[in-house]
């Protein structure tokens, strides 16, 4: 079976007789979990906010938070140890390559990582061939990413400046821009490249969103800024 790789993070464990799935790293890395094929979410557990070590017999509980997606041909995929509150709901129709959850550290887990399994129509685990994700339309802003931020808040961003102060001109701009940027530009190295293409020189470590925002936006509004950023990133 061919499926879209659930994350571009390094694979730490492959499929074997003793490990009937695939593990990918998650610590300090992009946390998007992608659907392997078109399908519908048929199972979802989202009740855990911590991890544990099970030295005995593993059970379904040890997946922690997980989702299971059924494909049109009756096969399945399952993604486990997810971040609480990050996965899509049961009944959601998803496309191959679509972000369906976020990597977490729940269940029988020693650190943030993703465990993915793929099963045939008999619900028996199988090995798969990973393929590149298709080009998908830009997703809408996910309000769950907005974290009730306000002007001056310290919030996480994918740009390697964890904890920098956000000083957008308005709270609405702050919320919208941070949520969109997390969903669309959270890739390793993009912040440095974006800073370079925007005209910054030297170290980018201390560049804030406000500075980048002002550098790129010109006289445009937030929507224009999004377009400007995507145009810049096409050059990378």
C-alpha atoms as a PDB file:
ATOM      1  CA  UNK A   1       0.000   0.000   0.000  1.00  0.00           C
ATOM      2  CA  UNK A   2       1.292   3.488  -0.873  1.00  0.00           C
ATOM      3  CA  UNK A   3       0.644   6.257   1.643  1.00  0.00           C
ATOM      4  CA  UNK A   4       1.774   9.826   2.194  1.00  0.00           C
ATOM      5  CA  UNK A   5       4.505   9.957   4.828  1.00  0.00           C
ATOM      6  CA  UNK A   6       2.823  11.117   8.074  1.00  0.00           C
ATOM      7  CA  UNK A   7       5.653  13.560   8.829  1.00  0.00           C
ATOM      8  CA  UNK A   8       8.935  14.593   7.268  1.00  0.00           C
ATOM      9  CA  UNK A   9      10.692  14.166  10.607  1.00  0.00           C
ATOM     10  CA  UNK A  10      13.359  11.474  10.802  1.00  0.00           C
ATOM     11  CA  UNK A  11      12.115   7.890  11.087  1.00  0.00           C
ATOM     12  CA  UNK A  12      13.408   6.342  14.298  1.00  0.00           C
ATOM     13  CA  UNK A  13      11.936   2.860  13.950  1.00  0.00           C
ATOM     14  CA  UNK A  14      10.547   0.952  11.000  1.00  0.00           C
ATOM     15  CA  UNK A  15       8.187  -1.960  10.479  1.00  0.00           C
ATOM     16  CA  UNK A  16       9.215  -5.370  11.805  1.00  0.00           C
ATOM     17  CA  UNK A  17       7.786  -8.488  13.381  1.00  0.00           C
ATOM     18  CA  UNK A  18       8.251  -6.861  16.786  1.00  0.00           C
ATOM     19  CA  UNK A  19       7.135  -3.367  15.792  1.00  0.00           C
ATOM     20  CA  UNK A  20       4.241  -3.377  13.357  1.00  0.00           C
ATOM     21  CA  UNK A  21       4.328   0.306  12.587  1.00  0.00           C
ATOM     22  CA  UNK A  22       6.576   3.308  12.029  1.00  0.00           C
ATOM     23  CA  UNK A  23       7.967   5.770  14.561  1.00  0.00           C
ATOM     24  CA  UNK A  24       9.074   9.308  13.719  1.00  0.00           C
ATOM     25  CA  UNK A  25      10.867  11.818  15.942  1.00  0.00           C
ATOM     26  CA  UNK A  26       8.958  14.780  17.334  1.00  0.00           C
ATOM     27  CA  UNK A  27      11.108  16.668  19.857  1.00  0.00           C
ATOM     28  CA  UNK A  28      11.714  20.298  18.777  1.00  0.00           C
ATOM     29  CA  UNK A  29      10.572  19.434  15.253  1.00  0.00           C
ATOM     30  CA  UNK A  30       7.499  20.239  13.113  1.00  0.00           C
ATOM     31  CA  UNK A  31       4.512  18.544  14.732  1.00  0.00           C
ATOM     32  CA  UNK A  32       2.088  18.109  11.825  1.00  0.00           C
ATOM     33  CA  UNK A  33       0.579  14.631  11.330  1.00  0.00           C
ATOM     34  CA  UNK A  34      -0.614  13.998   7.765  1.00  0.00           C
ATOM     35  CA  UNK A  35      -3.217  11.571   6.435  1.00  0.00           C
ATOM     36  CA  UNK A  36      -1.738   8.793   4.315  1.00  0.00           C
ATOM     37  CA  UNK A  37      -4.741   8.434   1.997  1.00  0.00           C
ATOM     38  CA  UNK A  38      -8.163   9.956   1.464  1.00  0.00           C
ATOM     39  CA  UNK A  39     -10.588   8.653   4.066  1.00  0.00           C
ATOM     40  CA  UNK A  40     -12.782   9.303   7.059  1.00  0.00           C
ATOM     41  CA  UNK A  41     -11.859   9.406  10.744  1.00  0.00           C
ATOM     42  CA  UNK A  42     -13.682   6.543  12.445  1.00  0.00           C
ATOM     43  CA  UNK A  43     -11.991   6.446  15.860  1.00  0.00           C
ATOM     44  CA  UNK A  44     -10.563   9.169  18.065  1.00  0.00           C
ATOM     45  CA  UNK A  45      -9.220   9.159  21.616  1.00  0.00           C
ATOM     46  CA  UNK A  46      -8.359  12.564  23.065  1.00  0.00           C
ATOM     47  CA  UNK A  47      -8.406  12.204  26.849  1.00  0.00           C
ATOM     48  CA  UNK A  48      -4.733  12.084  27.842  1.00  0.00           C
ATOM     49  CA  UNK A  49      -2.323  14.901  28.646  1.00  0.00           C
ATOM     50  CA  UNK A  50       0.636  12.860  29.866  1.00  0.00           C
ATOM     51  CA  UNK A  51       2.764   9.823  29.117  1.00  0.00           C
ATOM     52  CA  UNK A  52       3.746   6.699  31.037  1.00  0.00           C
ATOM     53  CA  UNK A  53       5.900   3.587  30.769  1.00  0.00           C
ATOM     54  CA  UNK A  54       4.173   0.203  30.505  1.00  0.00           C
ATOM     55  CA  UNK A  55       6.576  -2.645  31.239  1.00  0.00           C
ATOM     56  CA  UNK A  56       3.871  -5.274  30.894  1.00  0.00           C
ATOM     57  CA  UNK A  57       1.398  -6.200  28.167  1.00  0.00           C
ATOM     58  CA  UNK A  58       0.504  -3.303  25.882  1.00  0.00           C
ATOM     59  CA  UNK A  59      -3.165  -2.417  25.360  1.00  0.00           C
ATOM     60  CA  UNK A  60      -5.047   0.076  23.205  1.00  0.00           C
ATOM     61  CA  UNK A  61      -4.786   2.559  26.071  1.00  0.00           C
ATOM     62  CA  UNK A  62      -1.026   2.701  25.499  1.00  0.00           C
ATOM     63  CA  UNK A  63      -1.556   4.478  22.182  1.00  0.00           C
ATOM     64  CA  UNK A  64      -2.503   7.496  24.289  1.00  0.00           C
ATOM     65  CA  UNK A  65      -4.425   9.945  22.128  1.00  0.00           C
ATOM     66  CA  UNK A  66      -4.906   8.529  18.636  1.00  0.00           C
ATOM     67  CA  UNK A  67      -7.012   8.640  15.502  1.00  0.00           C
ATOM     68  CA  UNK A  68      -7.923   5.905  13.046  1.00  0.00           C
ATOM     69  CA  UNK A  69      -8.765   6.670   9.418  1.00  0.00           C
ATOM     70  CA  UNK A  70     -10.642   4.291   7.112  1.00  0.00           C
ATOM     71  CA  UNK A  71      -9.835   4.450   3.395  1.00  0.00           C
ATOM     72  CA  UNK A  72     -12.179   3.845   0.467  1.00  0.00           C
ATOM     73  CA  UNK A  73     -10.760   0.353  -0.160  1.00  0.00           C
ATOM     74  CA  UNK A  74     -11.415  -0.680   3.436  1.00  0.00           C
ATOM     75  CA  UNK A  75      -7.833  -0.307   4.653  1.00  0.00           C
ATOM     76  CA  UNK A  76      -6.919   1.808   7.669  1.00  0.00           C
ATOM     77  CA  UNK A  77      -4.251   4.019   9.197  1.00  0.00           C
ATOM     78  CA  UNK A  78      -3.726   4.857  12.870  1.00  0.00           C
ATOM     79  CA  UNK A  79      -1.633   7.656  14.366  1.00  0.00           C
ATOM     80  CA  UNK A  80      -0.811   7.525  18.072  1.00  0.00           C
ATOM     81  CA  UNK A  81       0.724   9.486  20.990  1.00  0.00           C
ATOM     82  CA  UNK A  82      -0.960  12.656  19.713  1.00  0.00           C
ATOM     83  CA  UNK A  83      -1.087  16.015  21.417  1.00  0.00           C
ATOM     84  CA  UNK A  84      -4.324  16.464  23.353  1.00  0.00           C
ATOM     85  CA  UNK A  85      -6.862  18.653  21.573  1.00  0.00           C
ATOM     86  CA  UNK A  86      -5.070  18.535  18.232  1.00  0.00           C
ATOM     87  CA  UNK A  87      -6.850  15.817  16.240  1.00  0.00           C
ATOM     88  CA  UNK A  88      -9.856  16.147  13.948  1.00  0.00           C
ATOM     89  CA  UNK A  89     -13.218  14.739  14.999  1.00  0.00           C
ATOM     90  CA  UNK A  90     -14.813  11.406  14.134  1.00  0.00           C
ATOM     91  CA  UNK A  91     -16.680  11.623  10.839  1.00  0.00           C
ATOM     92  CA  UNK A  92     -14.284  14.159   9.310  1.00  0.00           C
ATOM     93  CA  UNK A  93     -13.482  13.444   5.657  1.00  0.00           C
ATOM     94  CA  UNK A  94      -9.756  13.915   5.030  1.00  0.00           C
ATOM     95  CA  UNK A  95      -7.495  14.055   1.992  1.00  0.00           C
ATOM     96  CA  UNK A  96      -4.093  12.419   1.552  1.00  0.00           C
ATOM     97  CA  UNK A  97      -1.465  14.810   2.878  1.00  0.00           C
ATOM     98  CA  UNK A  98      -3.944  16.828   4.967  1.00  0.00           C
ATOM     99  CA  UNK A  99      -2.901  17.745   8.514  1.00  0.00           C
ATOM    100  CA  UNK A 100      -5.122  15.705  10.836  1.00  0.00           C
ATOM    101  CA  UNK A 101      -3.384  16.040  14.225  1.00  0.00           C
ATOM    102  CA  UNK A 102      -0.229  17.139  16.037  1.00  0.00           C
ATOM    103  CA  UNK A 103       2.627  15.026  17.405  1.00  0.00           C
ATOM    104  CA  UNK A 104       2.527  14.662  21.169  1.00  0.00           C
ATOM    105  CA  UNK A 105       3.827  12.575  24.055  1.00  0.00           C
ATOM    106  CA  UNK A 106       0.820  10.683  25.388  1.00  0.00           C
ATOM    107  CA  UNK A 107       0.368   7.018  26.231  1.00  0.00           C
ATOM    108  CA  UNK A 108       3.263   4.563  26.465  1.00  0.00           C
ATOM    109  CA  UNK A 109       5.881   7.032  25.295  1.00  0.00           C
ATOM    110  CA  UNK A 110       9.335   8.149  26.435  1.00  0.00           C
ATOM    111  CA  UNK A 111       9.260  11.459  24.571  1.00  0.00           C
ATOM    112  CA  UNK A 112       7.460  13.394  21.820  1.00  0.00           C
ATOM    113  CA  UNK A 113       7.148  11.175  18.753  1.00  0.00           C
ATOM    114  CA  UNK A 114       4.633   9.782  16.295  1.00  0.00           C
ATOM    115  CA  UNK A 115       3.687   6.112  16.011  1.00  0.00           C
ATOM    116  CA  UNK A 116       1.812   5.264  12.806  1.00  0.00           C
ATOM    117  CA  UNK A 117       0.285   1.960  11.759  1.00  0.00           C
ATOM    118  CA  UNK A 118      -1.286   0.871   8.483  1.00  0.00           C
ATOM    119  CA  UNK A 119      -3.739  -2.003   8.177  1.00  0.00           C
ATOM    120  CA  UNK A 120      -5.454  -3.891   5.370  1.00  0.00           C
ATOM    121  CA  UNK A 121      -9.225  -4.287   5.012  1.00  0.00           C
ATOM    122  CA  UNK A 122      -9.093  -7.083   7.592  1.00  0.00           C
ATOM    123  CA  UNK A 123      -7.573  -4.616  10.062  1.00  0.00           C
ATOM    124  CA  UNK A 124      -4.259  -6.517  10.063  1.00  0.00           C
ATOM    125  CA  UNK A 125      -1.068  -4.481  10.285  1.00  0.00           C
ATOM    126  CA  UNK A 126       0.995  -4.254   7.099  1.00  0.00           C
ATOM    127  CA  UNK A 127       4.131  -2.493   5.878  1.00  0.00           C
ATOM    128  CA  UNK A 128       3.707   0.394   3.431  1.00  0.00           C
ATOM    129  CA  UNK A 129       5.553   2.428   0.825  1.00  0.00           C
ATOM    130  CA  UNK A 130       5.795   6.127   1.655  1.00  0.00           C
ATOM    131  CA  UNK A 131       5.188   8.707  -1.073  1.00  0.00           C
ATOM    132  CA  UNK A 132       5.329  12.502  -1.245  1.00  0.00           C
ATOM    133  CA  UNK A 133       2.277  14.513  -0.255  1.00  0.00           C
ATOM    134  CA  UNK A 134       0.185  16.015  -3.077  1.00  0.00           C
ATOM    135  CA  UNK A 135      -0.193  19.762  -3.408  1.00  0.00           C
ATOM    136  CA  UNK A 136      -3.168  20.797  -1.305  1.00  0.00           C
ATOM    137  CA  UNK A 137      -5.001  24.131  -1.184  1.00  0.00           C
ATOM    138  CA  UNK A 138      -3.965  26.367   1.688  1.00  0.00           C
ATOM    139  CA  UNK A 139      -6.003  25.391   4.767  1.00  0.00           C
ATOM    140  CA  UNK A 140      -8.127  27.973   6.580  1.00  0.00           C
ATOM    141  CA  UNK A 141      -6.900  29.387   9.870  1.00  0.00           C
ATOM    142  CA  UNK A 142      -7.535  26.895  12.654  1.00  0.00           C
ATOM    143  CA  UNK A 143      -8.929  28.780  15.664  1.00  0.00           C
ATOM    144  CA  UNK A 144      -7.515  26.086  17.981  1.00  0.00           C
ATOM    145  CA  UNK A 145      -4.030  27.396  17.156  1.00  0.00           C
ATOM    146  CA  UNK A 146      -4.746  30.908  18.363  1.00  0.00           C
ATOM    147  CA  UNK A 147      -4.095  30.215  22.056  1.00  0.00           C
ATOM    148  CA  UNK A 148      -6.001  33.339  23.180  1.00  0.00           C
ATOM    149  CA  UNK A 149      -2.889  35.400  22.438  1.00  0.00           C
ATOM    150  CA  UNK A 150      -2.931  39.145  22.914  1.00  0.00           C
ATOM    151  CA  UNK A 151      -0.560  41.986  22.145  1.00  0.00           C
ATOM    152  CA  UNK A 152       2.735  41.465  23.957  1.00  0.00           C
ATOM    153  CA  UNK A 153       2.095  37.791  24.775  1.00  0.00           C
ATOM    154  CA  UNK A 154       4.939  35.317  24.595  1.00  0.00           C
ATOM    155  CA  UNK A 155       3.756  32.491  22.343  1.00  0.00           C
ATOM    156  CA  UNK A 156       5.374  29.543  20.581  1.00  0.00           C
ATOM    157  CA  UNK A 157       6.184  29.896  16.893  1.00  0.00           C
ATOM    158  CA  UNK A 158       7.801  27.573  14.319  1.00  0.00           C
ATOM    159  CA  UNK A 159      10.518  30.113  13.578  1.00  0.00           C
ATOM    160  CA  UNK A 160      13.204  29.049  16.053  1.00  0.00           C
ATOM    161  CA  UNK A 161      12.617  31.997  18.351  1.00  0.00           C
ATOM    162  CA  UNK A 162      10.569  30.175  20.943  1.00  0.00           C
ATOM    163  CA  UNK A 163       9.232  32.667  23.471  1.00  0.00           C
ATOM    164  CA  UNK A 164       9.989  35.897  21.599  1.00  0.00           C
ATOM    165  CA  UNK A 165       7.588  38.750  22.337  1.00  0.00           C
ATOM    166  CA  UNK A 166       4.785  39.323  19.849  1.00  0.00           C
ATOM    167  CA  UNK A 167       3.979  43.007  19.404  1.00  0.00           C
ATOM    168  CA  UNK A 168       1.536  43.129  16.523  1.00  0.00           C
ATOM    169  CA  UNK A 169      -0.365  46.351  15.944  1.00  0.00           C
ATOM    170  CA  UNK A 170      -3.665  44.869  17.115  1.00  0.00           C
ATOM    171  CA  UNK A 171      -4.768  41.756  18.962  1.00  0.00           C
ATOM    172  CA  UNK A 172      -6.757  40.609  15.906  1.00  0.00           C
ATOM    173  CA  UNK A 173      -3.682  40.880  13.671  1.00  0.00           C
ATOM    174  CA  UNK A 174      -1.626  39.041  16.258  1.00  0.00           C
ATOM    175  CA  UNK A 175      -4.053  36.133  16.522  1.00  0.00           C
ATOM    176  CA  UNK A 176      -4.630  35.802  12.814  1.00  0.00           C
ATOM    177  CA  UNK A 177      -1.018  36.140  11.757  1.00  0.00           C
ATOM    178  CA  UNK A 178       0.411  33.769  14.381  1.00  0.00           C
ATOM    179  CA  UNK A 179      -2.230  31.100  13.649  1.00  0.00           C
ATOM    180  CA  UNK A 180      -1.719  31.321   9.908  1.00  0.00           C
ATOM    181  CA  UNK A 181       2.067  31.384  10.113  1.00  0.00           C
ATOM    182  CA  UNK A 182       2.090  28.282  12.341  1.00  0.00           C
ATOM    183  CA  UNK A 183      -0.088  26.386   9.894  1.00  0.00           C
ATOM    184  CA  UNK A 184       1.651  27.374   6.692  1.00  0.00           C
ATOM    185  CA  UNK A 185       5.282  28.362   7.236  1.00  0.00           C
ATOM    186  CA  UNK A 186       6.365  26.071  10.078  1.00  0.00           C
ATOM    187  CA  UNK A 187       9.214  24.334   8.292  1.00  0.00           C
ATOM    188  CA  UNK A 188      12.833  24.025   9.391  1.00  0.00           C
ATOM    189  CA  UNK A 189      15.014  26.821   8.074  1.00  0.00           C
ATOM    190  CA  UNK A 190      12.154  28.872   6.624  1.00  0.00           C
ATOM    191  CA  UNK A 191      12.464  31.691   9.156  1.00  0.00           C
ATOM    192  CA  UNK A 192      16.138  32.209   8.360  1.00  0.00           C
ATOM    193  CA  UNK A 193      15.470  32.075   4.620  1.00  0.00           C
ATOM    194  CA  UNK A 194      12.492  34.396   4.884  1.00  0.00           C
ATOM    195  CA  UNK A 195      14.579  36.875   6.884  1.00  0.00           C
ATOM    196  CA  UNK A 196      17.321  36.741   4.276  1.00  0.00           C
ATOM    197  CA  UNK A 197      14.936  37.267   1.379  1.00  0.00           C
ATOM    198  CA  UNK A 198      13.177  40.079   3.242  1.00  0.00           C
ATOM    199  CA  UNK A 199      16.458  41.972   3.461  1.00  0.00           C
ATOM    200  CA  UNK A 200      17.722  41.247   6.973  1.00  0.00           C
ATOM    201  CA  UNK A 201      21.450  40.655   7.342  1.00  0.00           C
ATOM    202  CA  UNK A 202      23.444  38.861  10.000  1.00  0.00           C
ATOM    203  CA  UNK A 203      21.926  36.705  12.738  1.00  0.00           C
ATOM    204  CA  UNK A 204      18.159  36.123  12.597  1.00  0.00           C
ATOM    205  CA  UNK A 205      17.957  34.782  16.154  1.00  0.00           C
ATOM    206  CA  UNK A 206      16.500  37.934  17.673  1.00  0.00           C
ATOM    207  CA  UNK A 207      14.187  39.003  14.845  1.00  0.00           C
ATOM    208  CA  UNK A 208      10.630  39.216  16.161  1.00  0.00           C
ATOM    209  CA  UNK A 209       7.405  38.627  14.276  1.00  0.00           C
ATOM    210  CA  UNK A 210       6.711  42.361  14.568  1.00  0.00           C
ATOM    211  CA  UNK A 211       9.959  43.198  12.762  1.00  0.00           C
ATOM    212  CA  UNK A 212       9.382  40.600  10.068  1.00  0.00           C
ATOM    213  CA  UNK A 213       5.769  41.714   9.757  1.00  0.00           C
ATOM    214  CA  UNK A 214       6.778  45.346   9.234  1.00  0.00           C
ATOM    215  CA  UNK A 215       9.572  44.421   6.846  1.00  0.00           C
ATOM    216  CA  UNK A 216       7.357  42.452   4.488  1.00  0.00           C
ATOM    217  CA  UNK A 217       3.909  43.999   4.707  1.00  0.00           C
ATOM    218  CA  UNK A 218       4.582  47.367   3.005  1.00  0.00           C
ATOM    219  CA  UNK A 219       1.251  49.146   2.939  1.00  0.00           C
ATOM    220  CA  UNK A 220      -0.779  45.929   2.731  1.00  0.00           C
ATOM    221  CA  UNK A 221      -3.092  44.276   5.200  1.00  0.00           C
ATOM    222  CA  UNK A 222      -2.788  40.838   6.831  1.00  0.00           C
ATOM    223  CA  UNK A 223      -4.235  39.052   3.794  1.00  0.00           C
ATOM    224  CA  UNK A 224      -1.712  40.747   1.514  1.00  0.00           C
ATOM    225  CA  UNK A 225       1.055  39.829   3.923  1.00  0.00           C
ATOM    226  CA  UNK A 226       0.156  36.151   3.646  1.00  0.00           C
ATOM    227  CA  UNK A 227       0.377  36.351  -0.125  1.00  0.00           C
ATOM    228  CA  UNK A 228       3.700  38.181   0.107  1.00  0.00           C
ATOM    229  CA  UNK A 229       5.168  35.511   2.381  1.00  0.00           C
ATOM    230  CA  UNK A 230       4.093  32.666   0.128  1.00  0.00           C
ATOM    231  CA  UNK A 231       5.602  34.436  -2.875  1.00  0.00           C
ATOM    232  CA  UNK A 232       8.886  34.833  -0.997  1.00  0.00           C
ATOM    233  CA  UNK A 233       8.926  31.166   0.053  1.00  0.00           C
ATOM    234  CA  UNK A 234       8.367  29.988  -3.525  1.00  0.00           C
ATOM    235  CA  UNK A 235      11.935  31.156  -4.178  1.00  0.00           C
ATOM    236  CA  UNK A 236      13.268  28.750  -1.537  1.00  0.00           C
END
